Amino acid sequence: MIVMTILAAVGLRPLLKLIQTPESIFEEAYDYISVIGLWISVMFAYNLFASLLRSIGNSVMPLVFLVISSLLNIFLDYHFIATFHMGVAGAAIATVVSQGVSVVLCIIYILAKTKMLVPKMEDFKNLDGELMKDLAGQGYAMALMGSIVSVGSIILQSGINSLGGTDTNIIAGHTAARKVYMICNLPFIAMGQAMSTFISQNRGADQGERILKGMKLAYVYDFVMAAVVTVILLLTGRTLVHLISGSTNEVILHNGSLYLYVVGPFYAVLGVLIQTRFALQGMGSKWIPMISSVIEFVGKVIFVIAFIPKYGYMAVIFCEPIIWCFMTAQLLYSYHNNSYVKETKKKMKASA
């Protein structure tokens, strides 16, 4: 992690130039990412503690802490920027502080309620080599998948930056909208993480029928939640962009709200994507979910090269929703053709 932080600091300016960050916001972008990179260990700590809680079936508290962190982030963003005039660096500090609070809450909860997660010296004796190898394989596969997604996001950001030129209102509107998007995405991510734990536990207990039923209910949840989110975004999208950005600029409000209006209905697709990807991981599939990441990467490259230069910001808006459709199709195909799922379906038909 220290090595990653150093590499990020050394290569940050060249990277920002590579993705065509406008000169007018170059230093602000550098300040923001420098702070986030310096404190990346805070994000790592939250993911670690939240995953530990989910591993024992407690998916509620990590979500609660994440919601608290997100709301605190919005509150601190406003005060650090508007009240204390700390600029973009203030937004970065607000993010780190809010994540730090979630880490502290996780630690307090684990120490008070789930002491079984606190390691003892005897836990490090007689380590299972095969288990460690399997865990490392899972970890490296997920890390590679995340890296592919991140690189794709950087490439897409270069396409967005190319639209800014000397006018950064497009970038500002999109950035504000993405924050709203991430907040609305929390219920789907939380359900996916819960399903990963649920499915891995039932796969270990050879309860395939429960896995199939759980997935059906998760998909129903996705469609219902997507409908709720879509209505909220259609009614309040412009207001939310204004609250996040603190701007009354018409270009910022229009571009940000337009993004939310289009993306809203596609949350149904994104939800299915998330549930299915986590389900495959929960059943021990290391590499199939990575294919979806490759699809995402290739799709973003195609949009940046072929569509964004021609269709501008509308191509940016439709980029991810269209890619989600292809990713979801691949994941659903892989899920329904998973050997364990197919065997479970045969057993259910035979016993019917």
Protein backbone atom coordinates (compact mmCIF):
# COMPACT_ATOMS: atom_id res chain seq x y z
CA MET A 1 0.00 0.00 0.00
CA ILE A 2 2.90 2.37 0.74
CA VAL A 3 4.36 1.53 -2.68
CA MET A 4 1.03 2.31 -4.36
CA THR A 5 0.84 5.65 -2.56
CA ILE A 6 4.37 6.60 -3.64
CA LEU A 7 3.71 5.56 -7.25
CA ALA A 8 0.50 7.58 -7.28
CA ALA A 9 2.31 10.65 -5.98
CA VAL A 10 5.20 10.36 -8.46
CA GLY A 11 3.11 9.59 -11.51
CA LEU A 12 0.12 11.80 -10.76
CA ARG A 13 1.02 14.87 -12.79
CA PRO A 14 1.97 12.89 -15.93
CA LEU A 15 -1.26 10.89 -15.59
CA LEU A 16 -3.38 14.02 -15.32
CA LYS A 17 -1.70 15.37 -18.46
CA LEU A 18 -2.24 12.06 -20.22
CA ILE A 19 -6.00 12.13 -19.63
CA GLN A 20 -6.20 15.70 -20.92
CA THR A 21 -7.09 17.42 -17.66
CA PRO A 22 -7.84 21.08 -18.54
CA GLU A 23 -5.16 23.50 -17.38
CA SER A 24 -7.76 25.63 -15.61
CA ILE A 25 -8.47 22.84 -13.12
CA PHE A 26 -5.18 20.95 -13.29
CA GLU A 27 -3.84 22.06 -9.91
CA GLU A 28 -7.20 21.49 -8.20
CA ALA A 29 -7.34 17.96 -9.61
CA TYR A 30 -3.78 17.33 -8.42
CA ASP A 31 -4.59 18.62 -4.92
CA TYR A 32 -7.69 16.43 -4.66
CA ILE A 33 -6.11 13.19 -5.85
CA SER A 34 -2.95 13.82 -3.81
CA VAL A 35 -4.95 13.92 -0.59
CA ILE A 36 -7.02 10.86 -1.52
CA GLY A 37 -3.89 8.91 -2.54
CA LEU A 38 -2.02 9.84 0.62
CA TRP A 39 -4.85 8.46 2.77
CA ILE A 40 -5.80 5.47 0.64
CA SER A 41 -5.14 3.28 3.69
CA VAL A 42 -8.34 4.67 5.22
CA MET A 43 -10.39 3.29 2.35
CA PHE A 44 -8.54 -0.02 2.62
CA ALA A 45 -9.31 -0.20 6.34
CA TYR A 46 -13.05 0.37 5.82
CA ASN A 47 -13.25 -2.30 3.10
CA LEU A 48 -11.38 -4.74 5.34
CA PHE A 49 -13.54 -4.25 8.44
CA ALA A 50 -16.79 -4.11 6.45
CA SER A 51 -15.88 -7.36 4.66
CA LEU A 52 -15.13 -9.03 7.99
CA LEU A 53 -18.58 -8.11 9.27
CA ARG A 54 -20.26 -9.33 6.09
CA SER A 55 -18.33 -12.61 6.30
CA ILE A 56 -20.24 -13.52 9.46
CA GLY A 57 -23.57 -12.55 7.90
CA ASN A 58 -23.80 -8.99 9.22
CA SER A 59 -24.42 -6.85 6.12
CA VAL A 60 -26.58 -4.28 7.91
CA MET A 61 -23.96 -2.48 9.99
CA PRO A 62 -21.47 -1.93 7.13
CA LEU A 63 -24.33 -0.35 5.17
CA VAL A 64 -25.30 1.81 8.13
CA PHE A 65 -21.71 3.01 8.52
CA LEU A 66 -21.45 3.64 4.78
CA VAL A 67 -24.63 5.72 4.76
CA ILE A 68 -23.38 7.72 7.76
CA SER A 69 -20.08 8.25 5.94
CA SER A 70 -21.81 9.39 2.73
CA LEU A 71 -24.09 11.85 4.53
CA LEU A 72 -21.16 13.17 6.56
CA ASN A 73 -19.18 13.56 3.35
CA ILE A 74 -21.89 15.75 1.83
CA PHE A 75 -22.13 17.83 5.03
CA LEU A 76 -18.37 18.32 5.25
CA ASP A 77 -18.09 19.04 1.51
CA TYR A 78 -20.47 21.96 1.91
CA HIS A 79 -18.84 23.42 5.02
CA PHE A 80 -15.21 22.89 4.01
CA ILE A 81 -15.83 24.51 0.63
CA ALA A 82 -18.53 27.11 1.32
CA THR A 83 -17.81 28.04 4.95
CA PHE A 84 -14.07 27.52 5.34
CA HIS A 85 -13.18 28.23 1.68
CA MET A 86 -10.81 25.27 1.47
CA GLY A 87 -11.57 24.63 -2.19
CA VAL A 88 -11.04 21.26 -3.86
CA ALA A 89 -8.57 20.17 -1.18
CA GLY A 90 -11.38 20.65 1.34
CA ALA A 91 -13.57 18.24 -0.63
CA ALA A 92 -10.78 15.65 -0.55
CA ILE A 93 -10.26 16.12 3.18
CA ALA A 94 -14.01 15.77 3.70
CA THR A 95 -13.93 12.44 1.89
CA VAL A 96 -11.01 11.14 3.95
CA VAL A 97 -12.53 12.30 7.25
CA SER A 98 -15.91 10.73 6.48
CA GLN A 99 -14.24 7.45 5.52
CA GLY A 100 -12.16 7.63 8.69
CA VAL A 101 -15.32 7.98 10.76
CA SER A 102 -16.75 4.83 9.15
CA VAL A 103 -13.52 2.98 10.00
CA VAL A 104 -13.72 4.07 13.65
CA LEU A 105 -17.38 3.01 13.82
CA CYS A 106 -16.49 -0.40 12.38
CA ILE A 107 -13.70 -0.90 14.91
CA ILE A 108 -15.90 0.12 17.85
CA TYR A 109 -18.67 -2.21 16.70
CA ILE A 110 -16.31 -5.16 16.19
CA LEU A 111 -14.71 -4.70 19.61
CA ALA A 112 -18.08 -4.35 21.32
CA LYS A 113 -20.28 -6.83 19.45
CA THR A 114 -18.19 -9.27 17.41
CA LYS A 115 -15.04 -10.05 19.39
CA MET A 116 -14.73 -13.30 17.45
CA LEU A 117 -13.29 -11.18 14.62
CA VAL A 118 -10.47 -9.86 16.81
CA PRO A 119 -7.40 -12.03 16.03
CA LYS A 120 -5.47 -13.78 18.80
CA MET A 121 -1.93 -15.14 18.78
CA GLU A 122 -3.13 -18.75 18.56
CA ASP A 123 -4.98 -17.92 15.35
CA PHE A 124 -1.63 -17.58 13.60
CA LYS A 125 -0.48 -21.08 14.57
CA ASN A 126 -0.87 -24.02 12.19
CA LEU A 127 -1.93 -21.90 9.24
CA ASP A 128 -3.66 -23.78 6.42
CA GLY A 129 -1.47 -23.35 3.35
CA GLU A 130 -4.12 -24.46 0.87
CA LEU A 131 -6.66 -22.09 2.37
CA MET A 132 -4.21 -19.20 2.22
CA LYS A 133 -3.45 -20.04 -1.40
CA ASP A 134 -7.13 -20.08 -2.30
CA LEU A 135 -7.76 -16.78 -0.50
CA ALA A 136 -4.78 -15.21 -2.26
CA GLY A 137 -6.12 -16.42 -5.61
CA GLN A 138 -9.52 -14.89 -4.92
CA GLY A 139 -7.90 -11.66 -3.76
CA TYR A 140 -5.60 -11.31 -6.76
CA ALA A 141 -8.46 -12.06 -9.17
CA MET A 142 -10.66 -9.38 -7.59
CA ALA A 143 -7.74 -6.93 -7.49
CA LEU A 144 -7.05 -7.48 -11.18
CA MET A 145 -10.74 -7.05 -11.96
CA GLY A 146 -10.85 -3.81 -9.99
CA SER A 147 -7.70 -2.58 -11.73
CA ILE A 148 -9.20 -3.21 -15.16
CA VAL A 149 -12.33 -1.29 -14.16
CA SER A 150 -10.26 1.59 -12.77
CA VAL A 151 -8.13 1.87 -15.90
CA GLY A 152 -11.30 1.91 -17.98
CA SER A 153 -12.67 4.71 -15.82
CA ILE A 154 -9.48 6.72 -16.30
CA ILE A 155 -9.77 6.29 -20.06
CA LEU A 156 -13.41 7.41 -19.96
CA GLN A 157 -12.42 10.42 -17.87
CA SER A 158 -9.95 11.39 -20.57
CA GLY A 159 -12.85 11.48 -23.00
CA ILE A 160 -14.88 13.65 -20.63
CA ASN A 161 -11.93 15.98 -20.10
CA SER A 162 -11.51 16.38 -23.85
CA LEU A 163 -14.99 17.94 -23.98
CA GLY A 164 -14.11 20.54 -21.37
CA GLY A 165 -11.53 22.61 -23.25
CA THR A 166 -11.45 25.99 -21.57
CA ASP A 167 -15.01 25.53 -20.27
CA THR A 168 -15.01 23.15 -17.30
CA ASN A 169 -18.78 23.31 -16.71
CA ILE A 170 -19.30 19.97 -18.45
CA ILE A 171 -16.79 18.32 -16.13
CA ALA A 172 -18.27 20.04 -13.06
CA GLY A 173 -21.81 18.97 -13.94
CA HIS A 174 -20.79 15.40 -14.60
CA THR A 175 -18.73 15.21 -11.40
CA ALA A 176 -21.68 16.40 -9.30
CA ALA A 177 -24.02 13.96 -11.02
CA ARG A 178 -21.60 11.09 -10.42
CA LYS A 179 -21.67 11.78 -6.69
CA VAL A 180 -25.45 11.49 -6.73
CA TYR A 181 -25.14 8.33 -8.82
CA MET A 182 -22.77 6.76 -6.29
CA ILE A 183 -25.12 7.53 -3.40
CA CYS A 184 -28.06 5.98 -5.27
CA ASN A 185 -25.90 2.97 -6.07
CA LEU A 186 -25.37 2.11 -2.40
CA PRO A 187 -28.53 -0.04 -1.97
CA PHE A 188 -27.54 -2.21 -4.95
CA ILE A 189 -23.95 -2.63 -3.81
CA ALA A 190 -25.09 -3.46 -0.28
CA MET A 191 -27.47 -6.13 -1.59
CA GLY A 192 -24.73 -7.54 -3.81
CA GLN A 193 -22.31 -7.82 -0.91
CA ALA A 194 -25.01 -9.43 1.22
CA MET A 195 -25.78 -11.91 -1.56
CA SER A 196 -22.09 -12.79 -1.89
CA THR A 197 -22.00 -13.79 1.78
CA PHE A 198 -25.38 -15.53 1.59
CA ILE A 199 -24.43 -17.53 -1.49
CA SER A 200 -20.97 -18.51 -0.28
CA GLN A 201 -22.45 -19.79 2.98
CA ASN A 202 -25.17 -21.78 1.20
CA ARG A 203 -22.72 -23.07 -1.39
CA GLY A 204 -20.57 -24.40 1.45
CA ALA A 205 -23.62 -26.04 3.01
CA ASP A 206 -24.70 -27.40 -0.40
CA GLN A 207 -28.02 -25.57 -0.24
CA GLY A 208 -28.36 -24.84 -3.95
CA GLU A 209 -32.12 -24.35 -3.82
CA ARG A 210 -31.71 -21.50 -1.34
CA ILE A 211 -29.20 -19.88 -3.70
CA LEU A 212 -31.66 -19.91 -6.61
CA LYS A 213 -34.49 -18.55 -4.47
CA GLY A 214 -32.23 -15.90 -2.98
CA MET A 215 -31.16 -14.73 -6.43
CA LYS A 216 -34.77 -14.41 -7.61
CA LEU A 217 -35.62 -12.27 -4.58
CA ALA A 218 -32.48 -10.18 -5.13
CA TYR A 219 -33.54 -9.47 -8.71
CA VAL A 220 -37.02 -8.44 -7.54
CA TYR A 221 -35.36 -6.11 -5.04
CA ASP A 222 -33.26 -4.62 -7.84
CA PHE A 223 -36.27 -3.79 -10.02
CA VAL A 224 -38.25 -2.30 -7.15
CA MET A 225 -35.32 -0.24 -5.89
CA ALA A 226 -34.50 0.87 -9.45
CA ALA A 227 -38.06 2.14 -9.87
CA VAL A 228 -37.81 4.08 -6.60
CA VAL A 229 -34.43 5.58 -7.51
CA THR A 230 -35.65 6.52 -11.00
CA VAL A 231 -38.65 8.40 -9.62
CA ILE A 232 -36.46 10.23 -7.08
CA LEU A 233 -33.96 11.26 -9.76
CA LEU A 234 -36.65 12.39 -12.20
CA LEU A 235 -38.27 14.55 -9.53
CA THR A 236 -35.19 15.89 -7.77
CA GLY A 237 -32.22 15.34 -10.10
CA ARG A 238 -31.67 19.02 -10.86
CA THR A 239 -31.98 19.96 -7.19
CA LEU A 240 -29.54 17.26 -6.14
CA VAL A 241 -26.95 18.45 -8.67
CA HIS A 242 -27.37 21.98 -7.33
CA LEU A 243 -26.91 20.80 -3.73
CA ILE A 244 -23.82 18.75 -4.55
CA SER A 245 -22.15 21.31 -6.81
CA GLY A 246 -23.33 24.43 -4.99
CA SER A 247 -23.71 26.02 -8.42
CA THR A 248 -26.55 27.82 -10.20
CA ASN A 249 -24.78 27.66 -13.57
CA GLU A 250 -27.30 26.44 -16.14
CA VAL A 251 -24.77 24.30 -18.04
CA ILE A 252 -23.71 22.48 -14.86
CA LEU A 253 -27.30 21.89 -13.73
CA HIS A 254 -28.47 20.80 -17.18
CA ASN A 255 -25.63 18.38 -17.87
CA GLY A 256 -25.68 16.90 -14.38
CA SER A 257 -29.44 16.40 -14.24
CA LEU A 258 -29.55 15.03 -17.80
CA TYR A 259 -27.05 12.36 -16.80
CA LEU A 260 -29.22 11.37 -13.83
CA TYR A 261 -32.44 11.30 -15.90
CA VAL A 262 -30.87 8.87 -18.38
CA VAL A 263 -29.02 6.67 -15.90
CA GLY A 264 -31.99 6.30 -13.51
CA PRO A 265 -33.91 3.57 -15.41
CA PHE A 266 -30.69 1.66 -16.07
CA TYR A 267 -30.25 1.03 -12.34
CA ALA A 268 -32.39 -2.07 -12.93
CA VAL A 269 -29.74 -3.40 -15.30
CA LEU A 270 -26.90 -2.33 -13.02
CA GLY A 271 -28.56 -4.02 -10.05
CA VAL A 272 -28.83 -7.35 -11.87
CA LEU A 273 -25.21 -6.95 -12.97
CA ILE A 274 -24.01 -6.38 -9.41
CA GLN A 275 -26.05 -9.24 -7.90
CA THR A 276 -24.95 -11.72 -10.56
CA ARG A 277 -21.29 -10.76 -10.37
CA PHE A 278 -21.25 -11.10 -6.58
CA ALA A 279 -23.17 -14.39 -6.86
CA LEU A 280 -20.56 -15.89 -9.14
CA GLN A 281 -17.81 -14.73 -6.81
CA GLY A 282 -19.71 -16.20 -3.87
CA MET A 283 -19.78 -19.57 -5.66
CA GLY A 284 -16.01 -19.45 -6.05
CA SER A 285 -15.77 -18.24 -9.64
CA LYS A 286 -12.51 -16.29 -9.92
CA TRP A 287 -12.22 -15.45 -13.59
CA ILE A 288 -15.74 -15.33 -15.09
CA PRO A 289 -16.59 -12.02 -13.35
CA MET A 290 -13.34 -10.61 -14.71
CA ILE A 291 -14.63 -11.06 -18.26
CA SER A 292 -17.32 -8.49 -17.49
CA SER A 293 -14.59 -6.08 -16.43
CA VAL A 294 -12.81 -6.62 -19.74
CA ILE A 295 -16.09 -5.91 -21.55
CA GLU A 296 -16.39 -2.67 -19.56
CA PHE A 297 -12.81 -1.70 -20.36
CA VAL A 298 -13.13 -2.38 -24.08
CA GLY A 299 -16.50 -0.62 -24.21
CA LYS A 300 -15.12 2.55 -22.65
CA VAL A 301 -12.16 2.56 -25.00
CA ILE A 302 -14.52 2.27 -27.98
CA PHE A 303 -16.70 5.12 -26.70
CA VAL A 304 -13.70 7.39 -26.06
CA ILE A 305 -12.24 6.73 -29.51
CA ALA A 306 -15.36 6.50 -31.68
CA PHE A 307 -18.44 8.01 -30.04
CA ILE A 308 -17.49 10.79 -27.61
CA PRO A 309 -15.60 12.83 -30.25
CA LYS A 310 -18.65 12.57 -32.55
CA TYR A 311 -21.61 12.80 -30.17
CA GLY A 312 -20.08 14.72 -27.27
CA TYR A 313 -21.57 14.60 -23.80
CA MET A 314 -24.55 12.46 -24.87
CA ALA A 315 -22.08 9.66 -25.63
CA VAL A 316 -20.62 10.08 -22.13
CA ILE A 317 -24.10 9.75 -20.64
CA PHE A 318 -25.01 6.59 -22.55
CA CYS A 319 -21.55 5.01 -22.36
CA GLU A 320 -21.90 3.10 -19.10
CA PRO A 321 -25.61 2.17 -19.39
CA ILE A 322 -25.02 0.56 -22.78
CA ILE A 323 -21.93 -1.26 -21.51
CA TRP A 324 -23.91 -2.45 -18.46
CA CYS A 325 -26.34 -4.21 -20.81
CA PHE A 326 -23.56 -6.21 -22.47
CA MET A 327 -21.92 -7.00 -19.13
CA THR A 328 -25.22 -8.16 -17.63
CA ALA A 329 -25.94 -10.43 -20.59
CA GLN A 330 -22.53 -12.08 -20.20
CA LEU A 331 -22.90 -12.51 -16.44
CA LEU A 332 -26.44 -13.91 -16.66
CA TYR A 333 -25.31 -16.40 -19.30
CA SER A 334 -22.39 -17.46 -17.09
CA TYR A 335 -24.59 -17.73 -14.00
CA HIS A 336 -27.24 -19.91 -15.66
CA ASN A 337 -24.54 -22.11 -17.19
CA ASN A 338 -22.62 -22.44 -13.94
CA SER A 339 -22.18 -26.16 -13.24
CA TYR A 340 -23.51 -25.92 -9.67
CA VAL A 341 -26.54 -23.88 -10.71
CA LYS A 342 -27.36 -26.30 -13.55
CA GLU A 343 -27.00 -29.29 -11.23
CA THR A 344 -29.27 -27.66 -8.64
CA LYS A 345 -31.94 -27.01 -11.28
CA LYS A 346 -31.80 -30.67 -12.34
CA LYS A 347 -32.25 -31.81 -8.73
CA MET A 348 -35.19 -29.43 -8.25
CA LYS A 349 -36.89 -30.72 -11.42
CA ALA A 350 -36.31 -34.33 -10.40
CA SER A 351 -37.84 -33.78 -6.95
CA ALA A 352 -40.82 -31.78 -8.31
